[in-house]
Amino acid sequence: SLIAYAKRAEADTLIVCVNLDPLASEEGLLEVPSEPDLPDSFVVQDLLTDETYAWQVGGNYVLLPPGGAHVMHVR
């Protein structure tokens, strides 16, 4: 029930993850590929909550409430 994608425009990268289940929280590993030319580890800022997280290329743990989302800007 999680869907995610990354969008890159010039120097900006956004990673978006949405819980499509309107009734239950969902968790999983969001797999960030190395293709968008990201470093092995990087900081993301959730534009919806203003929180920051240390992420990496590969699996990143995500837990979203029903219908919740992350809109992450790579710093």
Protein backbone atom coordinates (compact mmCIF):
# COMPACT_ATOMS: atom_id res chain seq x y z
CA SER A 1 0.00 0.00 0.00
CA LEU A 2 3.04 2.30 -0.23
CA ILE A 3 3.98 4.05 -3.46
CA ALA A 4 7.12 6.13 -3.92
CA TYR A 5 9.02 7.97 -6.61
CA ALA A 6 11.94 10.36 -6.98
CA LYS A 7 12.06 13.44 -9.21
CA ARG A 8 15.21 15.34 -10.08
CA ALA A 9 15.35 18.78 -11.70
CA GLU A 10 18.80 20.33 -12.02
CA ALA A 11 20.27 20.36 -8.48
CA ASP A 12 17.01 19.54 -6.65
CA THR A 13 15.79 16.03 -5.84
CA LEU A 14 12.43 15.19 -4.29
CA ILE A 15 11.46 11.80 -2.93
CA VAL A 16 7.74 11.26 -2.39
CA CYS A 17 6.17 8.34 -0.54
CA VAL A 18 2.42 7.93 0.03
CA ASN A 19 0.36 5.41 2.01
CA LEU A 20 -2.54 4.49 -0.26
CA ASP A 21 -4.42 2.72 2.53
CA PRO A 22 -6.99 5.12 4.06
CA LEU A 23 -7.63 2.85 7.06
CA ALA A 24 -4.30 1.47 8.28
CA SER A 25 -0.76 2.58 8.92
CA GLU A 26 1.78 1.04 6.58
CA GLU A 27 5.51 0.46 6.96
CA GLY A 28 8.24 -0.73 4.67
CA LEU A 29 11.63 -0.11 3.15
CA LEU A 30 11.82 2.61 0.55
CA GLU A 31 14.58 1.59 -1.84
CA VAL A 32 16.52 4.64 -3.10
CA PRO A 33 18.49 3.77 -6.24
CA SER A 34 21.91 5.22 -6.93
CA GLU A 35 20.73 6.38 -10.38
CA PRO A 36 19.77 9.98 -9.42
CA ASP A 37 23.49 10.58 -8.67
CA LEU A 38 22.95 10.77 -4.93
CA PRO A 39 25.81 10.25 -2.46
CA ASP A 40 25.81 7.01 -0.44
CA SER A 41 24.26 8.87 2.51
CA PHE A 42 22.39 12.17 2.57
CA VAL A 43 19.93 14.26 4.59
CA VAL A 44 16.30 14.70 3.58
CA GLN A 45 13.86 17.29 4.89
CA ASP A 46 10.17 16.42 4.95
CA LEU A 47 8.47 19.46 3.42
CA LEU A 48 5.17 18.56 5.12
CA THR A 49 6.50 18.32 8.71
CA ASP A 50 9.86 20.15 8.44
CA GLU A 51 11.61 17.17 10.10
CA THR A 52 14.99 15.98 8.82
CA TYR A 53 16.24 12.41 8.49
CA ALA A 54 19.52 10.73 7.60
CA TRP A 55 18.89 8.54 4.55
CA GLN A 56 21.05 6.43 2.28
CA VAL A 57 21.11 4.82 -1.12
CA GLY A 58 19.39 1.47 -0.59
CA GLY A 59 16.66 0.69 1.95
CA ASN A 60 15.18 3.38 4.21
CA TYR A 61 12.50 2.58 6.80
CA VAL A 62 9.17 4.36 6.31
CA LEU A 63 6.10 4.30 8.60
CA LEU A 64 3.11 6.32 7.45
CA PRO A 65 -0.33 6.77 9.02
CA PRO A 66 -3.49 6.05 6.99
CA GLY A 67 -3.37 8.25 3.88
CA GLY A 68 -0.11 9.84 5.09
CA ALA A 69 2.78 11.02 2.95
CA HIS A 70 6.39 12.15 2.97
CA VAL A 71 7.57 14.80 0.52
CA MET A 72 11.31 14.76 1.05
CA HIS A 73 13.76 17.31 -0.30
CA VAL A 74 17.32 16.02 -0.52
CA ARG A 75 19.72 18.49 1.14
